[in-house]
Amino acid sequence: MLRLKGHRGDSAPHKVVFIATCGFVFGWIGSTSIDARGPGPLVDKVLSTGETVVGETIAYPSRAVAKLTAAVVTLAPGEETGWHRHGMPVFGYVLEGELTVDYGVKGQRTYKMGEGFAEAINAPHNGRNMSKSRMRVLAVFMGEDGMPTTINLAK
């Protein structure tokens, strides 16, 4: 039974007002849509591609059981990943800051917060945080069981 603070006696009239108010509020909220398209989730496509940022055709390894690995990579100001490659498709999504990636002869690109990209697979590259604040990127590796997500290179 609902009892309002400081109320004595029969709370039925207050219950009716409370229930009517809730019905109005929840009915109004339920009929209000943030997106005029209708009910359901709002989906913002981040990336749809068949090529990496350096023009490689995306092909999935097929020698073993598929394995998807997701990691958040954080670089402090001035820090870098070191030269490496992946050998498998990698999707990157910048969560915070900016990431500048040097692809050697294939050029350099800067990715900003909210941007997604299909990372180079076999092209060596080095990611750097050239800003004064930390950078975080979600990396989703689409490989196979037992395959390393990153192959470090000396350059």
N, C-alpha and C. Protein backbone atom coordinates (compact mmCIF):
# COMPACT_ATOMS: atom_id res chain seq x y z
N MET A 1 0.84 -1.18 0.00
CA MET A 1 0.00 0.00 0.00
C MET A 1 0.88 1.24 0.00
N LEU A 2 0.56 2.18 -0.85
CA LEU A 2 1.32 3.41 -0.97
C LEU A 2 0.91 4.37 0.13
N ARG A 3 1.87 4.87 0.87
CA ARG A 3 1.60 5.87 1.91
C ARG A 3 2.47 7.09 1.62
N LEU A 4 1.86 8.23 1.53
CA LEU A 4 2.60 9.45 1.32
C LEU A 4 3.09 9.98 2.65
N LYS A 5 4.28 10.54 2.68
CA LYS A 5 4.88 11.07 3.90
C LYS A 5 3.97 12.13 4.52
N GLY A 6 3.71 11.96 5.81
CA GLY A 6 2.90 12.93 6.53
C GLY A 6 1.41 12.72 6.36
N HIS A 7 1.00 11.67 5.61
CA HIS A 7 -0.43 11.43 5.38
C HIS A 7 -0.95 10.44 6.40
N ARG A 8 -2.15 10.70 6.93
CA ARG A 8 -2.80 9.78 7.86
C ARG A 8 -4.13 9.38 7.29
N GLY A 9 -4.51 8.19 7.59
CA GLY A 9 -5.84 7.74 7.17
C GLY A 9 -5.81 7.10 5.80
N ASP A 10 -6.94 7.22 5.11
CA ASP A 10 -7.15 6.54 3.84
C ASP A 10 -6.29 7.19 2.75
N SER A 11 -5.49 6.39 2.09
CA SER A 11 -4.62 6.92 1.04
C SER A 11 -5.20 6.66 -0.35
N ALA A 12 -6.42 6.13 -0.44
CA ALA A 12 -7.00 5.79 -1.73
C ALA A 12 -7.05 6.98 -2.69
N PRO A 13 -7.49 8.19 -2.27
CA PRO A 13 -7.52 9.30 -3.21
C PRO A 13 -6.11 9.64 -3.74
N HIS A 14 -5.12 9.53 -2.89
CA HIS A 14 -3.75 9.82 -3.31
C HIS A 14 -3.24 8.74 -4.25
N LYS A 15 -3.65 7.50 -4.02
CA LYS A 15 -3.23 6.42 -4.91
C LYS A 15 -3.79 6.65 -6.31
N VAL A 16 -5.02 7.10 -6.39
CA VAL A 16 -5.64 7.34 -7.69
C VAL A 16 -4.89 8.45 -8.43
N VAL A 17 -4.56 9.52 -7.72
CA VAL A 17 -3.82 10.62 -8.34
C VAL A 17 -2.43 10.15 -8.77
N PHE A 18 -1.76 9.38 -7.91
CA PHE A 18 -0.43 8.87 -8.21
C PHE A 18 -0.47 7.96 -9.43
N ILE A 19 -1.41 7.02 -9.47
CA ILE A 19 -1.53 6.08 -10.59
C ILE A 19 -1.89 6.82 -11.87
N ALA A 20 -2.79 7.78 -11.80
CA ALA A 20 -3.16 8.54 -12.99
C ALA A 20 -1.97 9.34 -13.52
N THR A 21 -1.21 9.94 -12.61
CA THR A 21 -0.04 10.71 -13.02
C THR A 21 0.99 9.79 -13.67
N CYS A 22 1.26 8.63 -13.07
CA CYS A 22 2.21 7.67 -13.64
C CYS A 22 1.74 7.22 -15.02
N GLY A 23 0.46 6.94 -15.13
CA GLY A 23 -0.08 6.51 -16.43
C GLY A 23 0.13 7.56 -17.49
N PHE A 24 -0.11 8.82 -17.14
CA PHE A 24 0.09 9.91 -18.09
C PHE A 24 1.56 10.04 -18.48
N VAL A 25 2.45 10.07 -17.48
CA VAL A 25 3.88 10.25 -17.74
C VAL A 25 4.42 9.09 -18.56
N PHE A 26 4.15 7.84 -18.13
CA PHE A 26 4.70 6.70 -18.86
C PHE A 26 4.05 6.55 -20.23
N GLY A 27 2.80 6.90 -20.36
CA GLY A 27 2.14 6.88 -21.66
C GLY A 27 2.76 7.90 -22.59
N TRP A 28 3.06 9.08 -22.07
CA TRP A 28 3.68 10.13 -22.87
C TRP A 28 5.09 9.72 -23.28
N ILE A 29 5.88 9.19 -22.32
CA ILE A 29 7.24 8.76 -22.63
C ILE A 29 7.22 7.64 -23.66
N GLY A 30 6.31 6.70 -23.49
CA GLY A 30 6.22 5.58 -24.42
C GLY A 30 5.84 6.00 -25.82
N SER A 31 5.10 7.09 -25.95
CA SER A 31 4.68 7.54 -27.28
C SER A 31 5.65 8.54 -27.89
N THR A 32 6.64 8.97 -27.10
CA THR A 32 7.62 9.93 -27.59
C THR A 32 8.83 9.18 -28.12
N SER A 33 9.26 9.52 -29.32
CA SER A 33 10.41 8.85 -29.92
C SER A 33 11.51 9.86 -30.16
N ILE A 34 12.73 9.49 -29.78
CA ILE A 34 13.88 10.35 -30.02
C ILE A 34 14.14 10.43 -31.52
N ASP A 35 13.94 9.31 -32.21
CA ASP A 35 14.17 9.24 -33.64
C ASP A 35 12.82 9.15 -34.34
N ALA A 36 12.56 10.07 -35.24
CA ALA A 36 11.26 10.14 -35.90
C ALA A 36 11.00 8.95 -36.82
N ARG A 37 12.02 8.09 -37.06
CA ARG A 37 11.84 6.95 -37.95
C ARG A 37 10.91 5.90 -37.35
N GLY A 38 10.75 5.86 -36.06
CA GLY A 38 9.91 4.86 -35.44
C GLY A 38 10.66 4.12 -34.34
N PRO A 39 10.02 3.09 -33.80
CA PRO A 39 10.64 2.36 -32.69
C PRO A 39 11.84 1.56 -33.13
N GLY A 40 12.66 1.19 -32.19
CA GLY A 40 13.85 0.39 -32.46
C GLY A 40 15.11 1.18 -32.21
N PRO A 41 16.24 0.49 -32.23
CA PRO A 41 17.51 1.17 -31.94
C PRO A 41 17.93 2.08 -33.08
N LEU A 42 18.62 3.14 -32.73
CA LEU A 42 19.22 4.04 -33.71
C LEU A 42 20.58 3.45 -34.05
N VAL A 43 20.82 3.15 -35.31
CA VAL A 43 22.06 2.53 -35.73
C VAL A 43 22.83 3.49 -36.64
N ASP A 44 24.02 3.87 -36.21
CA ASP A 44 24.90 4.70 -37.02
C ASP A 44 26.01 3.83 -37.57
N LYS A 45 26.04 3.64 -38.88
CA LYS A 45 27.07 2.83 -39.50
C LYS A 45 28.41 3.54 -39.34
N VAL A 46 29.40 2.83 -38.83
CA VAL A 46 30.73 3.39 -38.63
C VAL A 46 31.61 3.10 -39.85
N LEU A 47 31.49 1.90 -40.41
CA LEU A 47 32.35 1.51 -41.52
C LEU A 47 31.74 0.33 -42.25
N SER A 48 31.85 0.34 -43.57
CA SER A 48 31.45 -0.78 -44.41
C SER A 48 32.40 -0.78 -45.59
N THR A 49 33.30 -1.77 -45.65
CA THR A 49 34.33 -1.77 -46.69
C THR A 49 34.82 -3.19 -46.96
N GLY A 50 35.40 -3.37 -48.10
CA GLY A 50 36.04 -4.63 -48.46
C GLY A 50 37.54 -4.47 -48.60
N GLU A 51 38.04 -3.24 -48.27
CA GLU A 51 39.47 -2.94 -48.37
C GLU A 51 39.99 -2.29 -47.10
N THR A 52 41.28 -2.47 -46.85
CA THR A 52 41.92 -1.80 -45.72
C THR A 52 42.21 -0.35 -46.10
N VAL A 53 42.74 0.41 -45.16
CA VAL A 53 43.05 1.82 -45.40
C VAL A 53 44.14 2.01 -46.45
N VAL A 54 44.93 0.96 -46.72
CA VAL A 54 45.99 1.06 -47.73
C VAL A 54 45.63 0.29 -48.99
N GLY A 55 44.36 -0.08 -49.15
CA GLY A 55 43.89 -0.70 -50.39
C GLY A 55 44.01 -2.21 -50.48
N GLU A 56 44.37 -2.89 -49.39
CA GLU A 56 44.44 -4.35 -49.42
C GLU A 56 43.03 -4.92 -49.41
N THR A 57 42.79 -5.98 -50.17
CA THR A 57 41.50 -6.67 -50.13
C THR A 57 41.41 -7.42 -48.81
N ILE A 58 40.29 -7.28 -48.12
CA ILE A 58 40.12 -7.97 -46.85
C ILE A 58 39.78 -9.44 -47.12
N ALA A 59 40.61 -10.32 -46.58
CA ALA A 59 40.39 -11.76 -46.69
C ALA A 59 40.63 -12.37 -45.32
N TYR A 60 39.75 -13.24 -44.90
CA TYR A 60 39.85 -13.85 -43.58
C TYR A 60 40.67 -15.13 -43.64
N PRO A 61 41.54 -15.35 -42.64
CA PRO A 61 42.29 -16.60 -42.59
C PRO A 61 41.31 -17.77 -42.52
N SER A 62 41.69 -18.90 -43.09
CA SER A 62 40.74 -20.02 -43.10
C SER A 62 41.40 -21.37 -42.82
N ARG A 63 42.55 -21.37 -42.20
CA ARG A 63 43.25 -22.61 -41.92
C ARG A 63 42.79 -23.28 -40.63
N ALA A 64 42.19 -22.54 -39.73
CA ALA A 64 41.81 -23.08 -38.42
C ALA A 64 40.48 -22.47 -37.98
N VAL A 65 40.11 -22.75 -36.75
CA VAL A 65 38.88 -22.22 -36.18
C VAL A 65 38.98 -20.70 -36.04
N ALA A 66 37.95 -20.00 -36.48
CA ALA A 66 37.94 -18.54 -36.40
C ALA A 66 38.00 -18.08 -34.95
N LYS A 67 38.67 -16.95 -34.74
CA LYS A 67 38.76 -16.36 -33.40
C LYS A 67 38.71 -14.86 -33.52
N LEU A 68 37.78 -14.24 -32.81
CA LEU A 68 37.64 -12.79 -32.78
C LEU A 68 38.18 -12.31 -31.45
N THR A 69 39.07 -11.32 -31.49
CA THR A 69 39.66 -10.76 -30.28
C THR A 69 39.47 -9.26 -30.30
N ALA A 70 38.98 -8.70 -29.21
CA ALA A 70 38.81 -7.25 -29.09
C ALA A 70 39.69 -6.73 -27.96
N ALA A 71 40.35 -5.61 -28.19
CA ALA A 71 41.23 -5.01 -27.18
C ALA A 71 41.16 -3.50 -27.28
N VAL A 72 41.34 -2.83 -26.16
CA VAL A 72 41.45 -1.38 -26.15
C VAL A 72 42.93 -1.05 -25.98
N VAL A 73 43.48 -0.34 -26.96
CA VAL A 73 44.89 0.06 -26.94
C VAL A 73 44.95 1.52 -26.50
N THR A 74 45.75 1.79 -25.48
CA THR A 74 45.89 3.15 -24.94
C THR A 74 47.32 3.61 -25.15
N LEU A 75 47.46 4.81 -25.72
CA LEU A 75 48.78 5.41 -25.90
C LEU A 75 48.79 6.76 -25.17
N ALA A 76 49.81 6.95 -24.35
CA ALA A 76 50.01 8.23 -23.67
C ALA A 76 50.52 9.24 -24.70
N PRO A 77 50.47 10.52 -24.40
CA PRO A 77 51.00 11.53 -25.32
C PRO A 77 52.44 11.20 -25.71
N GLY A 78 52.71 11.21 -27.02
CA GLY A 78 54.06 10.93 -27.52
C GLY A 78 54.38 9.45 -27.67
N GLU A 79 53.57 8.58 -27.13
CA GLU A 79 53.84 7.13 -27.20
C GLU A 79 53.46 6.58 -28.57
N GLU A 80 54.12 5.47 -28.94
CA GLU A 80 53.82 4.83 -30.21
C GLU A 80 53.76 3.32 -30.04
N THR A 81 53.17 2.66 -31.04
CA THR A 81 53.01 1.20 -30.97
C THR A 81 54.27 0.46 -31.37
N GLY A 82 55.11 1.08 -32.18
CA GLY A 82 56.25 0.39 -32.79
C GLY A 82 55.77 -0.23 -34.10
N TRP A 83 56.70 -0.46 -35.01
CA TRP A 83 56.34 -1.00 -36.32
C TRP A 83 55.85 -2.43 -36.18
N HIS A 84 54.74 -2.70 -36.84
CA HIS A 84 54.13 -4.02 -36.75
C HIS A 84 53.21 -4.26 -37.94
N ARG A 85 52.69 -5.47 -38.05
CA ARG A 85 51.64 -5.80 -39.01
C ARG A 85 50.72 -6.80 -38.32
N HIS A 86 49.62 -7.16 -38.97
CA HIS A 86 48.64 -8.02 -38.30
C HIS A 86 48.42 -9.39 -38.94
N GLY A 87 48.43 -9.50 -40.24
CA GLY A 87 48.21 -10.79 -40.89
C GLY A 87 46.76 -11.24 -40.87
N MET A 88 45.87 -10.39 -40.41
CA MET A 88 44.43 -10.68 -40.34
C MET A 88 43.67 -9.36 -40.40
N PRO A 89 42.40 -9.39 -40.77
CA PRO A 89 41.61 -8.15 -40.76
C PRO A 89 41.49 -7.58 -39.34
N VAL A 90 41.59 -6.25 -39.24
CA VAL A 90 41.48 -5.55 -37.96
C VAL A 90 40.59 -4.33 -38.17
N PHE A 91 39.58 -4.20 -37.33
CA PHE A 91 38.74 -3.01 -37.33
C PHE A 91 39.17 -2.15 -36.15
N GLY A 92 39.41 -0.86 -36.40
CA GLY A 92 39.77 0.07 -35.34
C GLY A 92 38.70 1.13 -35.18
N TYR A 93 38.45 1.52 -33.93
CA TYR A 93 37.49 2.58 -33.63
C TYR A 93 38.08 3.46 -32.53
N VAL A 94 38.32 4.72 -32.85
CA VAL A 94 38.96 5.63 -31.89
C VAL A 94 37.94 6.06 -30.84
N LEU A 95 38.21 5.67 -29.61
CA LEU A 95 37.34 5.99 -28.47
C LEU A 95 37.65 7.35 -27.87
N GLU A 96 38.92 7.75 -27.96
CA GLU A 96 39.36 8.98 -27.30
C GLU A 96 40.63 9.48 -27.98
N GLY A 97 40.72 10.78 -28.22
CA GLY A 97 41.92 11.37 -28.77
C GLY A 97 42.08 11.17 -30.27
N GLU A 98 43.33 11.18 -30.71
CA GLU A 98 43.67 11.01 -32.13
C GLU A 98 44.81 10.03 -32.27
N LEU A 99 44.74 9.21 -33.32
CA LEU A 99 45.78 8.24 -33.62
C LEU A 99 46.33 8.55 -35.00
N THR A 100 47.64 8.75 -35.09
CA THR A 100 48.30 8.97 -36.37
C THR A 100 49.07 7.70 -36.70
N VAL A 101 48.81 7.14 -37.89
CA VAL A 101 49.46 5.90 -38.28
C VAL A 101 50.31 6.14 -39.52
N ASP A 102 51.58 5.75 -39.41
CA ASP A 102 52.52 5.84 -40.52
C ASP A 102 52.53 4.49 -41.22
N TYR A 103 52.19 4.48 -42.51
CA TYR A 103 52.17 3.25 -43.30
C TYR A 103 53.38 3.19 -44.24
N GLY A 104 54.44 3.89 -43.91
CA GLY A 104 55.65 3.88 -44.74
C GLY A 104 55.37 4.47 -46.10
N VAL A 105 55.69 3.73 -47.16
CA VAL A 105 55.52 4.23 -48.53
C VAL A 105 54.05 4.42 -48.90
N LYS A 106 53.14 3.89 -48.11
CA LYS A 106 51.70 4.02 -48.38
C LYS A 106 51.10 5.25 -47.71
N GLY A 107 51.94 6.06 -47.08
CA GLY A 107 51.47 7.32 -46.51
C GLY A 107 51.17 7.28 -45.02
N GLN A 108 50.59 8.36 -44.55
CA GLN A 108 50.26 8.54 -43.13
C GLN A 108 48.81 9.01 -43.04
N ARG A 109 48.10 8.52 -42.03
CA ARG A 109 46.71 8.92 -41.82
C ARG A 109 46.48 9.21 -40.34
N THR A 110 45.56 10.14 -40.07
CA THR A 110 45.19 10.45 -38.69
C THR A 110 43.72 10.13 -38.51
N TYR A 111 43.42 9.37 -37.46
CA TYR A 111 42.06 8.97 -37.13
C TYR A 111 41.66 9.68 -35.84
N LYS A 112 40.47 10.27 -35.83
CA LYS A 112 39.99 11.04 -34.68
C LYS A 112 38.89 10.30 -33.94
N MET A 113 38.62 10.73 -32.72
CA MET A 113 37.58 10.14 -31.89
C MET A 113 36.29 9.98 -32.69
N GLY A 114 35.72 8.77 -32.62
CA GLY A 114 34.47 8.48 -33.31
C GLY A 114 34.65 7.94 -34.72
N GLU A 115 35.88 7.87 -35.20
CA GLU A 115 36.13 7.35 -36.54
C GLU A 115 36.52 5.88 -36.48
N GLY A 116 36.03 5.12 -37.46
CA GLY A 116 36.38 3.72 -37.59
C GLY A 116 37.21 3.51 -38.85
N PHE A 117 38.03 2.46 -38.86
CA PHE A 117 38.86 2.19 -40.03
C PHE A 117 39.21 0.71 -40.09
N ALA A 118 39.43 0.22 -41.32
CA ALA A 118 39.89 -1.15 -41.54
C ALA A 118 41.41 -1.07 -41.64
N GLU A 119 42.09 -1.49 -40.58
CA GLU A 119 43.54 -1.35 -40.49
C GLU A 119 44.25 -2.18 -41.55
N ALA A 120 45.47 -1.76 -41.88
CA ALA A 120 46.30 -2.50 -42.83
C ALA A 120 46.54 -3.91 -42.27
N ILE A 121 46.58 -4.88 -43.17
CA ILE A 121 46.78 -6.27 -42.74
C ILE A 121 48.25 -6.64 -42.83
N ASN A 122 48.81 -6.61 -44.02
CA ASN A 122 50.20 -7.02 -44.22
C ASN A 122 51.16 -5.85 -44.37
N ALA A 123 50.66 -4.65 -44.58
CA ALA A 123 51.52 -3.48 -44.71
C ALA A 123 52.04 -3.06 -43.34
N PRO A 124 53.35 -2.99 -43.16
CA PRO A 124 53.91 -2.55 -41.87
C PRO A 124 53.44 -1.13 -41.54
N HIS A 125 53.17 -0.89 -40.27
CA HIS A 125 52.72 0.43 -39.85
C HIS A 125 53.08 0.69 -38.39
N ASN A 126 53.07 1.97 -38.02
CA ASN A 126 53.40 2.40 -36.66
C ASN A 126 52.40 3.46 -36.23
N GLY A 127 51.66 3.17 -35.15
CA GLY A 127 50.69 4.12 -34.62
C GLY A 127 51.33 5.02 -33.59
N ARG A 128 50.97 6.32 -33.64
CA ARG A 128 51.53 7.29 -32.69
C ARG A 128 50.46 8.22 -32.15
N ASN A 129 50.62 8.58 -30.91
CA ASN A 129 49.77 9.60 -30.30
C ASN A 129 50.59 10.88 -30.30
N MET A 130 50.28 11.76 -31.23
CA MET A 130 51.04 13.00 -31.38
C MET A 130 50.40 14.17 -30.62
N SER A 131 49.35 13.88 -29.85
CA SER A 131 48.65 14.95 -29.13
C SER A 131 49.18 15.08 -27.71
N LYS A 132 48.53 15.96 -26.94
CA LYS A 132 48.92 16.19 -25.55
C LYS A 132 47.99 15.48 -24.57
N SER A 133 47.10 14.63 -25.09
CA SER A 133 46.21 13.87 -24.21
C SER A 133 46.23 12.40 -24.64
N ARG A 134 45.75 11.53 -23.78
CA ARG A 134 45.82 10.10 -24.10
C ARG A 134 44.91 9.75 -25.27
N MET A 135 45.24 8.65 -25.92
CA MET A 135 44.49 8.15 -27.06
C MET A 135 44.09 6.72 -26.74
N ARG A 136 42.82 6.38 -27.04
CA ARG A 136 42.34 5.01 -26.85
C ARG A 136 41.63 4.56 -28.12
N VAL A 137 41.98 3.38 -28.60
CA VAL A 137 41.34 2.83 -29.79
C VAL A 137 40.89 1.39 -29.49
N LEU A 138 39.67 1.07 -29.89
CA LEU A 138 39.18 -0.30 -29.80
C LEU A 138 39.66 -1.01 -31.05
N ALA A 139 40.39 -2.10 -30.89
CA ALA A 139 40.88 -2.89 -32.02
C ALA A 139 40.19 -4.25 -31.98
N VAL A 140 39.54 -4.61 -33.08
CA VAL A 140 38.86 -5.90 -33.18
C VAL A 140 39.59 -6.72 -34.24
N PHE A 141 40.25 -7.79 -33.79
CA PHE A 141 41.05 -8.65 -34.65
C PHE A 141 40.19 -9.84 -35.08
N MET A 142 40.11 -10.09 -36.39
CA MET A 142 39.29 -11.17 -36.93
C MET A 142 40.19 -12.21 -37.56
N GLY A 143 40.70 -13.12 -36.73
CA GLY A 143 41.68 -14.10 -37.20
C GLY A 143 41.25 -15.52 -36.94
N GLU A 144 42.22 -16.31 -36.54
CA GLU A 144 41.96 -17.72 -36.26
C GLU A 144 42.67 -18.11 -34.98
N ASP A 145 42.21 -19.17 -34.38
CA ASP A 145 42.76 -19.66 -33.13
C ASP A 145 44.25 -19.96 -33.29
N GLY A 146 45.05 -19.45 -32.37
CA GLY A 146 46.50 -19.69 -32.38
C GLY A 146 47.29 -18.68 -33.19
N MET A 147 46.64 -17.81 -33.92
CA MET A 147 47.33 -16.81 -34.74
C MET A 147 47.55 -15.55 -33.90
N PRO A 148 48.77 -14.98 -33.91
CA PRO A 148 49.01 -13.75 -33.13
C PRO A 148 48.25 -12.57 -33.75
N THR A 149 47.72 -11.71 -32.89
CA THR A 149 46.98 -10.54 -33.39
C THR A 149 47.92 -9.50 -33.98
N THR A 150 49.15 -9.44 -33.45
CA THR A 150 50.12 -8.44 -33.89
C THR A 150 51.49 -9.09 -34.05
N ILE A 151 52.15 -8.74 -35.14
CA ILE A 151 53.52 -9.24 -35.39
C ILE A 151 54.42 -8.03 -35.34
N ASN A 152 55.25 -7.95 -34.29
CA ASN A 152 56.15 -6.82 -34.12
C ASN A 152 57.30 -6.90 -35.12
N LEU A 153 57.67 -5.75 -35.66
CA LEU A 153 58.75 -5.66 -36.66
C LEU A 153 59.80 -4.67 -36.19
N ALA A 154 61.05 -4.96 -36.48
CA ALA A 154 62.12 -4.00 -36.20
C ALA A 154 62.31 -3.18 -37.46
N LYS A 155 62.25 -1.86 -37.34
CA LYS A 155 62.43 -1.01 -38.52
C LYS A 155 63.33 0.14 -38.18
